[in-house]
Amino acid sequence: MTQRLDYAQATPDGVKALGGVYGHILKCGLDPVLVDLVYLRVSQINGCAYCLDMHTRDLIKHGVPIEKIALLQAWDEAGPLFSEREKAALAWSETVTRVADTGIPDADFARARAVFDAKELADLTIAIGLMNLYNRLAIGFRNTPKAVLDVQGRMTGEPLQDLAS
């Protein structure tokens, strides 16, 4: 995969603005593991290899069991592996990410609102929107996943790094 454009170089102020939104999500009070699960699920829906790689690594660093990461795309069939709060966040992530298809029905809003207060749900929705935007940047401009860079490095004799790094 060859990167088409370095958007950070093309628009540093734009990337800085996105970083401000990302910084808000980091300090808004939502559980970081929940946010990374949402980021990974949104990236699965959108098929963003760069973000799939990054957020899988982040979840491993947080100590999330590999079984939970592996079953994320089938979270609704994973029984007690995901908490009710995580299930509500993942359902909300799916309906918001697929807004053109879902229209975000009242029932989906009610499920999320039953678990999240107004600020939490607004912040969660900002996080979902941010990840959708990052996915579009990474896919559109072909950001190379770290795993691919590691394999390329191994092919040139550089040591392969652990997935958690």
N, C-alpha and C. Protein backbone atom coordinates (compact mmCIF):
# COMPACT_ATOMS: atom_id res chain seq x y z
N MET A 1 0.85 -1.17 0.00
CA MET A 1 0.00 0.00 0.00
C MET A 1 0.89 1.24 0.00
N THR A 2 0.67 2.10 -0.92
CA THR A 2 1.45 3.34 -1.03
C THR A 2 0.57 4.51 -0.61
N GLN A 3 1.11 5.30 0.32
CA GLN A 3 0.37 6.47 0.78
C GLN A 3 0.19 7.45 -0.37
N ARG A 4 -1.05 7.91 -0.53
CA ARG A 4 -1.38 8.85 -1.60
C ARG A 4 -1.00 10.28 -1.25
N LEU A 5 -1.21 10.62 0.01
CA LEU A 5 -1.04 12.01 0.44
C LEU A 5 -0.80 12.02 1.93
N ASP A 6 0.11 12.85 2.38
CA ASP A 6 0.34 13.04 3.81
C ASP A 6 -0.53 14.21 4.26
N TYR A 7 -1.72 13.88 4.75
CA TYR A 7 -2.67 14.95 5.10
C TYR A 7 -2.19 15.79 6.27
N ALA A 8 -1.37 15.21 7.15
CA ALA A 8 -0.84 15.99 8.27
C ALA A 8 0.09 17.09 7.78
N GLN A 9 0.83 16.78 6.73
CA GLN A 9 1.71 17.78 6.14
C GLN A 9 0.91 18.77 5.29
N ALA A 10 -0.12 18.28 4.61
CA ALA A 10 -0.91 19.13 3.72
C ALA A 10 -1.73 20.17 4.50
N THR A 11 -2.24 19.77 5.67
CA THR A 11 -3.08 20.68 6.46
C THR A 11 -2.79 20.51 7.95
N PRO A 12 -1.65 21.00 8.40
CA PRO A 12 -1.30 20.86 9.82
C PRO A 12 -2.33 21.48 10.76
N ASP A 13 -2.94 22.59 10.37
CA ASP A 13 -3.95 23.21 11.23
C ASP A 13 -5.19 22.33 11.33
N GLY A 14 -5.57 21.70 10.24
CA GLY A 14 -6.71 20.79 10.25
C GLY A 14 -6.45 19.60 11.15
N VAL A 15 -5.27 19.03 11.06
CA VAL A 15 -4.91 17.88 11.90
C VAL A 15 -4.83 18.30 13.36
N LYS A 16 -4.32 19.50 13.60
CA LYS A 16 -4.26 20.02 14.97
C LYS A 16 -5.68 20.17 15.55
N ALA A 17 -6.61 20.64 14.73
CA ALA A 17 -8.00 20.77 15.19
C ALA A 17 -8.58 19.41 15.53
N LEU A 18 -8.32 18.41 14.70
CA LEU A 18 -8.79 17.05 15.01
C LEU A 18 -8.15 16.54 16.30
N GLY A 19 -6.88 16.88 16.48
CA GLY A 19 -6.19 16.49 17.72
C GLY A 19 -6.85 17.10 18.95
N GLY A 20 -7.37 18.30 18.80
CA GLY A 20 -8.10 18.92 19.91
C GLY A 20 -9.36 18.14 20.27
N VAL A 21 -10.06 17.66 19.26
CA VAL A 21 -11.26 16.85 19.50
C VAL A 21 -10.85 15.53 20.15
N TYR A 22 -9.79 14.92 19.63
CA TYR A 22 -9.28 13.67 20.20
C TYR A 22 -8.89 13.88 21.67
N GLY A 23 -8.22 15.00 21.95
CA GLY A 23 -7.83 15.32 23.32
C GLY A 23 -9.05 15.47 24.23
N HIS A 24 -10.12 16.07 23.71
CA HIS A 24 -11.35 16.19 24.48
C HIS A 24 -11.89 14.80 24.85
N ILE A 25 -11.90 13.90 23.90
CA ILE A 25 -12.41 12.55 24.17
C ILE A 25 -11.55 11.85 25.22
N LEU A 26 -10.24 12.06 25.17
CA LEU A 26 -9.36 11.43 26.16
C LEU A 26 -9.67 11.88 27.59
N LYS A 27 -10.13 13.12 27.75
CA LYS A 27 -10.35 13.64 29.10
C LYS A 27 -11.83 13.85 29.45
N CYS A 28 -12.75 13.37 28.61
CA CYS A 28 -14.17 13.65 28.82
C CYS A 28 -14.82 12.79 29.90
N GLY A 29 -14.13 11.74 30.33
CA GLY A 29 -14.68 10.90 31.39
C GLY A 29 -15.15 9.53 30.92
N LEU A 30 -15.24 9.32 29.61
CA LEU A 30 -15.59 7.99 29.12
C LEU A 30 -14.41 7.04 29.36
N ASP A 31 -14.73 5.79 29.67
CA ASP A 31 -13.70 4.79 29.91
C ASP A 31 -12.85 4.61 28.64
N PRO A 32 -11.53 4.71 28.77
CA PRO A 32 -10.66 4.59 27.59
C PRO A 32 -10.81 3.26 26.84
N VAL A 33 -11.06 2.18 27.55
CA VAL A 33 -11.26 0.88 26.90
C VAL A 33 -12.56 0.91 26.09
N LEU A 34 -13.61 1.48 26.65
CA LEU A 34 -14.87 1.60 25.92
C LEU A 34 -14.67 2.42 24.65
N VAL A 35 -13.95 3.52 24.74
CA VAL A 35 -13.69 4.37 23.58
C VAL A 35 -12.89 3.60 22.54
N ASP A 36 -11.87 2.87 22.96
CA ASP A 36 -11.08 2.11 21.99
C ASP A 36 -11.88 0.97 21.37
N LEU A 37 -12.78 0.35 22.13
CA LEU A 37 -13.68 -0.66 21.53
C LEU A 37 -14.55 -0.02 20.46
N VAL A 38 -15.06 1.16 20.75
CA VAL A 38 -15.88 1.89 19.78
C VAL A 38 -15.04 2.25 18.56
N TYR A 39 -13.84 2.77 18.78
CA TYR A 39 -12.97 3.13 17.66
C TYR A 39 -12.69 1.90 16.78
N LEU A 40 -12.43 0.77 17.42
CA LEU A 40 -12.14 -0.44 16.65
C LEU A 40 -13.38 -0.91 15.89
N ARG A 41 -14.54 -0.86 16.54
CA ARG A 41 -15.77 -1.31 15.86
C ARG A 41 -16.10 -0.42 14.67
N VAL A 42 -15.99 0.88 14.83
CA VAL A 42 -16.24 1.80 13.72
C VAL A 42 -15.26 1.50 12.59
N SER A 43 -14.02 1.26 12.93
CA SER A 43 -13.00 0.96 11.92
C SER A 43 -13.27 -0.37 11.22
N GLN A 44 -13.83 -1.34 11.95
CA GLN A 44 -14.23 -2.60 11.32
C GLN A 44 -15.33 -2.36 10.29
N ILE A 45 -16.32 -1.59 10.67
CA ILE A 45 -17.43 -1.29 9.76
C ILE A 45 -16.92 -0.61 8.49
N ASN A 46 -16.00 0.33 8.67
CA ASN A 46 -15.49 1.10 7.54
C ASN A 46 -14.35 0.41 6.78
N GLY A 47 -13.81 -0.67 7.35
CA GLY A 47 -12.74 -1.39 6.68
C GLY A 47 -11.43 -0.63 6.62
N CYS A 48 -11.09 0.06 7.70
CA CYS A 48 -9.88 0.87 7.74
C CYS A 48 -8.73 0.07 8.36
N ALA A 49 -7.85 -0.45 7.51
CA ALA A 49 -6.75 -1.29 7.98
C ALA A 49 -5.83 -0.54 8.95
N TYR A 50 -5.52 0.71 8.63
CA TYR A 50 -4.63 1.51 9.48
C TYR A 50 -5.21 1.61 10.90
N CYS A 51 -6.49 1.95 11.00
CA CYS A 51 -7.12 2.13 12.31
C CYS A 51 -7.39 0.79 13.00
N LEU A 52 -7.70 -0.26 12.24
CA LEU A 52 -7.86 -1.59 12.83
C LEU A 52 -6.58 -1.99 13.55
N ASP A 53 -5.46 -1.80 12.88
CA ASP A 53 -4.15 -2.13 13.44
C ASP A 53 -3.89 -1.30 14.70
N MET A 54 -4.10 0.01 14.61
CA MET A 54 -3.80 0.91 15.72
C MET A 54 -4.66 0.61 16.95
N HIS A 55 -5.96 0.46 16.76
CA HIS A 55 -6.83 0.30 17.92
C HIS A 55 -6.79 -1.12 18.50
N THR A 56 -6.44 -2.09 17.69
CA THR A 56 -6.18 -3.42 18.24
C THR A 56 -4.98 -3.35 19.17
N ARG A 57 -3.94 -2.69 18.74
CA ARG A 57 -2.75 -2.52 19.58
C ARG A 57 -3.09 -1.76 20.87
N ASP A 58 -3.91 -0.72 20.75
CA ASP A 58 -4.30 0.06 21.93
C ASP A 58 -5.05 -0.81 22.93
N LEU A 59 -5.97 -1.63 22.44
CA LEU A 59 -6.74 -2.50 23.34
C LEU A 59 -5.84 -3.54 24.01
N ILE A 60 -4.88 -4.06 23.28
CA ILE A 60 -3.93 -5.01 23.87
C ILE A 60 -3.13 -4.31 24.97
N LYS A 61 -2.69 -3.09 24.71
CA LYS A 61 -1.96 -2.32 25.73
C LYS A 61 -2.80 -2.10 26.98
N HIS A 62 -4.11 -1.93 26.80
CA HIS A 62 -5.03 -1.75 27.94
C HIS A 62 -5.29 -3.07 28.67
N GLY A 63 -4.78 -4.18 28.15
CA GLY A 63 -4.96 -5.48 28.79
C GLY A 63 -6.27 -6.17 28.44
N VAL A 64 -6.92 -5.74 27.38
CA VAL A 64 -8.17 -6.38 26.96
C VAL A 64 -7.84 -7.77 26.41
N PRO A 65 -8.54 -8.79 26.87
CA PRO A 65 -8.26 -10.15 26.40
C PRO A 65 -8.47 -10.28 24.89
N ILE A 66 -7.62 -11.06 24.26
CA ILE A 66 -7.68 -11.24 22.82
C ILE A 66 -9.03 -11.82 22.39
N GLU A 67 -9.66 -12.63 23.23
CA GLU A 67 -10.97 -13.20 22.91
C GLU A 67 -12.02 -12.09 22.72
N LYS A 68 -11.92 -11.07 23.55
CA LYS A 68 -12.87 -9.95 23.44
C LYS A 68 -12.62 -9.16 22.16
N ILE A 69 -11.36 -8.94 21.84
CA ILE A 69 -11.01 -8.22 20.61
C ILE A 69 -11.46 -9.04 19.40
N ALA A 70 -11.22 -10.34 19.44
CA ALA A 70 -11.58 -11.21 18.30
C ALA A 70 -13.09 -11.26 18.07
N LEU A 71 -13.87 -11.15 19.13
CA LEU A 71 -15.33 -11.24 19.01
C LEU A 71 -16.02 -9.89 18.91
N LEU A 72 -15.26 -8.83 18.81
CA LEU A 72 -15.86 -7.49 18.78
C LEU A 72 -16.88 -7.34 17.66
N GLN A 73 -16.59 -7.83 16.48
CA GLN A 73 -17.54 -7.62 15.39
C GLN A 73 -18.80 -8.45 15.55
N ALA A 74 -18.79 -9.40 16.49
CA ALA A 74 -19.99 -10.18 16.81
C ALA A 74 -20.37 -9.96 18.27
N TRP A 75 -20.17 -8.74 18.76
CA TRP A 75 -20.39 -8.41 20.17
C TRP A 75 -21.78 -8.80 20.65
N ASP A 76 -22.78 -8.70 19.79
CA ASP A 76 -24.16 -8.99 20.21
C ASP A 76 -24.41 -10.48 20.39
N GLU A 77 -23.46 -11.31 19.98
CA GLU A 77 -23.56 -12.76 20.17
C GLU A 77 -22.57 -13.26 21.22
N ALA A 78 -21.83 -12.36 21.85
CA ALA A 78 -20.75 -12.74 22.74
C ALA A 78 -21.15 -12.83 24.21
N GLY A 79 -22.45 -12.83 24.47
CA GLY A 79 -22.92 -13.01 25.84
C GLY A 79 -22.31 -12.03 26.82
N PRO A 80 -21.84 -12.54 27.96
CA PRO A 80 -21.33 -11.66 29.01
C PRO A 80 -19.92 -11.12 28.78
N LEU A 81 -19.33 -11.44 27.64
CA LEU A 81 -17.99 -10.93 27.35
C LEU A 81 -17.97 -9.40 27.30
N PHE A 82 -19.11 -8.81 26.89
CA PHE A 82 -19.23 -7.35 26.84
C PHE A 82 -20.28 -6.92 27.86
N SER A 83 -19.97 -5.84 28.58
CA SER A 83 -20.91 -5.30 29.56
C SER A 83 -22.10 -4.66 28.85
N GLU A 84 -23.16 -4.40 29.61
CA GLU A 84 -24.33 -3.73 29.01
C GLU A 84 -23.96 -2.34 28.49
N ARG A 85 -23.10 -1.67 29.19
CA ARG A 85 -22.64 -0.34 28.75
C ARG A 85 -21.86 -0.45 27.44
N GLU A 86 -20.98 -1.44 27.35
CA GLU A 86 -20.23 -1.65 26.11
C GLU A 86 -21.17 -2.02 24.97
N LYS A 87 -22.14 -2.89 25.24
CA LYS A 87 -23.10 -3.28 24.20
C LYS A 87 -23.90 -2.08 23.70
N ALA A 88 -24.32 -1.23 24.61
CA ALA A 88 -25.06 -0.03 24.21
C ALA A 88 -24.18 0.90 23.38
N ALA A 89 -22.93 1.06 23.78
CA ALA A 89 -22.00 1.91 23.03
C ALA A 89 -21.73 1.34 21.64
N LEU A 90 -21.58 0.04 21.55
CA LEU A 90 -21.31 -0.59 20.25
C LEU A 90 -22.53 -0.52 19.34
N ALA A 91 -23.70 -0.72 19.90
CA ALA A 91 -24.93 -0.60 19.10
C ALA A 91 -25.08 0.84 18.59
N TRP A 92 -24.82 1.81 19.46
CA TRP A 92 -24.91 3.21 19.06
C TRP A 92 -23.86 3.52 17.99
N SER A 93 -22.67 2.98 18.15
CA SER A 93 -21.61 3.18 17.16
C SER A 93 -22.02 2.68 15.79
N GLU A 94 -22.66 1.53 15.76
CA GLU A 94 -23.08 0.95 14.49
C GLU A 94 -24.17 1.77 13.82
N THR A 95 -25.18 2.18 14.58
CA THR A 95 -26.28 2.94 13.98
C THR A 95 -25.84 4.33 13.54
N VAL A 96 -24.94 4.95 14.31
CA VAL A 96 -24.45 6.28 13.94
C VAL A 96 -23.52 6.18 12.72
N THR A 97 -22.65 5.19 12.71
CA THR A 97 -21.73 5.02 11.58
C THR A 97 -22.49 4.72 10.29
N ARG A 98 -23.57 3.98 10.41
CA ARG A 98 -24.36 3.61 9.22
C ARG A 98 -25.59 4.51 9.06
N VAL A 99 -25.47 5.76 9.44
CA VAL A 99 -26.59 6.69 9.48
C VAL A 99 -27.37 6.75 8.16
N ALA A 100 -26.70 6.65 7.04
CA ALA A 100 -27.39 6.72 5.74
C ALA A 100 -28.36 5.55 5.58
N ASP A 101 -28.04 4.42 6.20
CA ASP A 101 -28.91 3.25 6.12
C ASP A 101 -29.91 3.17 7.27
N THR A 102 -29.50 3.62 8.45
CA THR A 102 -30.34 3.43 9.64
C THR A 102 -31.26 4.61 9.94
N GLY A 103 -30.81 5.82 9.65
CA GLY A 103 -31.56 7.00 10.05
C GLY A 103 -31.57 7.18 11.57
N ILE A 104 -30.84 6.35 12.28
CA ILE A 104 -30.74 6.34 13.75
C ILE A 104 -32.14 6.33 14.37
N PRO A 105 -32.77 5.18 14.41
CA PRO A 105 -34.14 5.08 14.93
C PRO A 105 -34.25 5.46 16.41
N ASP A 106 -35.44 5.84 16.81
CA ASP A 106 -35.71 6.20 18.21
C ASP A 106 -35.34 5.07 19.17
N ALA A 107 -35.57 3.83 18.76
CA ALA A 107 -35.25 2.69 19.63
C ALA A 107 -33.75 2.61 19.89
N ASP A 108 -32.93 2.92 18.88
CA ASP A 108 -31.47 2.91 19.07
C ASP A 108 -31.05 4.02 20.03
N PHE A 109 -31.67 5.20 19.88
CA PHE A 109 -31.38 6.30 20.79
C PHE A 109 -31.80 5.93 22.21
N ALA A 110 -32.97 5.36 22.36
CA ALA A 110 -33.48 5.00 23.69
C ALA A 110 -32.55 4.00 24.39
N ARG A 111 -32.05 3.03 23.63
CA ARG A 111 -31.14 2.03 24.21
C ARG A 111 -29.86 2.70 24.72
N ALA A 112 -29.31 3.59 23.92
CA ALA A 112 -28.08 4.28 24.33
C ALA A 112 -28.35 5.22 25.51
N ARG A 113 -29.47 5.93 25.45
CA ARG A 113 -29.80 6.91 26.49
C ARG A 113 -30.11 6.25 27.83
N ALA A 114 -30.53 5.00 27.78
CA ALA A 114 -30.81 4.26 29.01
C ALA A 114 -29.53 3.98 29.80
N VAL A 115 -28.40 4.00 29.13
CA VAL A 115 -27.12 3.65 29.75
C VAL A 115 -26.20 4.86 29.92
N PHE A 116 -26.32 5.84 29.05
CA PHE A 116 -25.44 7.00 29.07
C PHE A 116 -26.22 8.27 29.39
N ASP A 117 -25.62 9.13 30.23
CA ASP A 117 -26.27 10.43 30.46
C ASP A 117 -26.05 11.31 29.23
N ALA A 118 -26.62 12.49 29.23
CA ALA A 118 -26.60 13.35 28.04
C ALA A 118 -25.17 13.70 27.62
N LYS A 119 -24.32 14.08 28.57
CA LYS A 119 -22.94 14.43 28.23
C LYS A 119 -22.19 13.22 27.69
N GLU A 120 -22.34 12.09 28.35
CA GLU A 120 -21.65 10.88 27.88
C GLU A 120 -22.08 10.50 26.47
N LEU A 121 -23.37 10.57 26.20
CA LEU A 121 -23.85 10.19 24.87
C LEU A 121 -23.39 11.19 23.82
N ALA A 122 -23.37 12.46 24.16
CA ALA A 122 -22.85 13.46 23.22
C ALA A 122 -21.36 13.23 22.97
N ASP A 123 -20.59 12.99 24.03
CA ASP A 123 -19.15 12.73 23.85
C ASP A 123 -18.92 11.44 23.07
N LEU A 124 -19.70 10.41 23.35
CA LEU A 124 -19.57 9.15 22.62
C LEU A 124 -19.85 9.38 21.13
N THR A 125 -20.84 10.17 20.83
CA THR A 125 -21.20 10.45 19.43
C THR A 125 -20.10 11.27 18.75
N ILE A 126 -19.49 12.18 19.48
CA ILE A 126 -18.34 12.92 18.95
C ILE A 126 -17.19 11.95 18.64
N ALA A 127 -16.94 11.02 19.56
CA ALA A 127 -15.88 10.03 19.34
C ALA A 127 -16.17 9.18 18.10
N ILE A 128 -17.41 8.78 17.93
CA ILE A 128 -17.81 7.98 16.76
C ILE A 128 -17.60 8.80 15.48
N GLY A 129 -18.04 10.03 15.49
CA GLY A 129 -17.86 10.90 14.33
C GLY A 129 -16.39 11.13 14.02
N LEU A 130 -15.59 11.33 15.06
CA LEU A 130 -14.16 11.54 14.88
C LEU A 130 -13.53 10.32 14.23
N MET A 131 -13.88 9.12 14.72
CA MET A 131 -13.27 7.91 14.15
C MET A 131 -13.72 7.71 12.71
N ASN A 132 -14.97 8.02 12.42
CA ASN A 132 -15.41 7.93 11.03
C ASN A 132 -14.59 8.88 10.15
N LEU A 133 -14.30 10.07 10.64
CA LEU A 133 -13.48 11.01 9.88
C LEU A 133 -12.06 10.49 9.72
N TYR A 134 -11.45 10.02 10.81
CA TYR A 134 -10.10 9.46 10.71
C TYR A 134 -10.07 8.28 9.74
N ASN A 135 -11.10 7.43 9.76
CA ASN A 135 -11.16 6.31 8.82
C ASN A 135 -11.15 6.81 7.39
N ARG A 136 -11.91 7.84 7.11
CA ARG A 136 -11.98 8.37 5.76
C ARG A 136 -10.65 8.97 5.32
N LEU A 137 -9.95 9.62 6.23
CA LEU A 137 -8.63 10.14 5.91
C LEU A 137 -7.64 9.00 5.65
N ALA A 138 -7.63 8.01 6.54
CA ALA A 138 -6.67 6.91 6.41
C ALA A 138 -6.94 6.06 5.17
N ILE A 139 -8.21 5.79 4.89
CA ILE A 139 -8.55 5.00 3.70
C ILE A 139 -8.33 5.83 2.44
N GLY A 140 -8.83 7.04 2.44
CA GLY A 140 -8.73 7.89 1.26
C GLY A 140 -7.30 8.18 0.83
N PHE A 141 -6.42 8.35 1.82
CA PHE A 141 -5.04 8.71 1.51
C PHE A 141 -4.08 7.54 1.69
N ARG A 142 -4.65 6.35 1.99
CA ARG A 142 -3.89 5.10 2.06
C ARG A 142 -2.76 5.11 3.09
N ASN A 143 -3.11 5.44 4.34
CA ASN A 143 -2.13 5.33 5.42
C ASN A 143 -1.73 3.86 5.56
N THR A 144 -0.46 3.62 5.72
CA THR A 144 0.04 2.26 5.82
C THR A 144 -0.03 1.79 7.27
N PRO A 145 -0.70 0.66 7.54
CA PRO A 145 -0.77 0.13 8.91
C PRO A 145 0.62 -0.23 9.43
N LYS A 146 0.80 -0.11 10.73
CA LYS A 146 2.07 -0.44 11.37
C LYS A 146 2.46 -1.88 11.09
N ALA A 147 1.49 -2.78 11.08
CA ALA A 147 1.79 -4.20 10.82
C ALA A 147 2.43 -4.37 9.44
N VAL A 148 1.97 -3.63 8.46
CA VAL A 148 2.55 -3.70 7.11
C VAL A 148 3.97 -3.15 7.13
N LEU A 149 4.15 -2.04 7.82
CA LEU A 149 5.50 -1.47 7.93
C LEU A 149 6.44 -2.44 8.63
N ASP A 150 5.95 -3.14 9.66
CA ASP A 150 6.75 -4.13 10.37
C ASP A 150 7.16 -5.28 9.44
N VAL A 151 6.23 -5.76 8.63
CA VAL A 151 6.53 -6.84 7.70
C VAL A 151 7.54 -6.36 6.65
N GLN A 152 7.33 -5.17 6.16
CA GLN A 152 8.28 -4.61 5.19
C GLN A 152 9.66 -4.48 5.81
N GLY A 153 9.70 -4.07 7.08
CA GLY A 153 10.98 -3.96 7.79
C GLY A 153 11.64 -5.31 7.96
N ARG A 154 10.83 -6.33 8.25
CA ARG A 154 11.37 -7.68 8.42
C ARG A 154 11.96 -8.16 7.10
N MET A 155 11.32 -7.81 6.01
CA MET A 155 11.79 -8.22 4.69
C MET A 155 13.12 -7.55 4.36
N THR A 156 13.37 -6.40 4.98
CA THR A 156 14.64 -5.71 4.75
C THR A 156 15.64 -5.96 5.87
N GLY A 157 15.27 -6.85 6.79
CA GLY A 157 16.20 -7.23 7.86
C GLY A 157 16.00 -6.51 9.17
N GLU A 158 15.04 -5.58 9.24
CA GLU A 158 14.79 -4.89 10.51
C GLU A 158 13.98 -5.80 11.41
N PRO A 159 14.15 -5.72 12.73
CA PRO A 159 13.41 -6.61 13.63
C PRO A 159 11.92 -6.29 13.64
N LEU A 160 11.09 -7.34 13.72
CA LEU A 160 9.63 -7.20 13.80
C LEU A 160 9.28 -6.85 15.23
N GLN A 161 8.40 -5.83 15.39
CA GLN A 161 8.00 -5.41 16.73
C GLN A 161 6.79 -6.20 17.19
N ASP A 162 6.67 -6.31 18.50
CA ASP A 162 5.54 -6.97 19.14
C ASP A 162 4.25 -6.20 18.80
N LEU A 163 3.13 -6.91 18.66
CA LEU A 163 1.84 -6.27 18.32
C LEU A 163 1.45 -5.22 19.35
N ALA A 164 1.85 -5.41 20.61
CA ALA A 164 1.47 -4.47 21.66
C ALA A 164 2.32 -3.21 21.64
N SER A 165 3.31 -3.14 20.79
CA SER A 165 4.13 -1.92 20.78
C SER A 165 3.69 -0.95 19.70
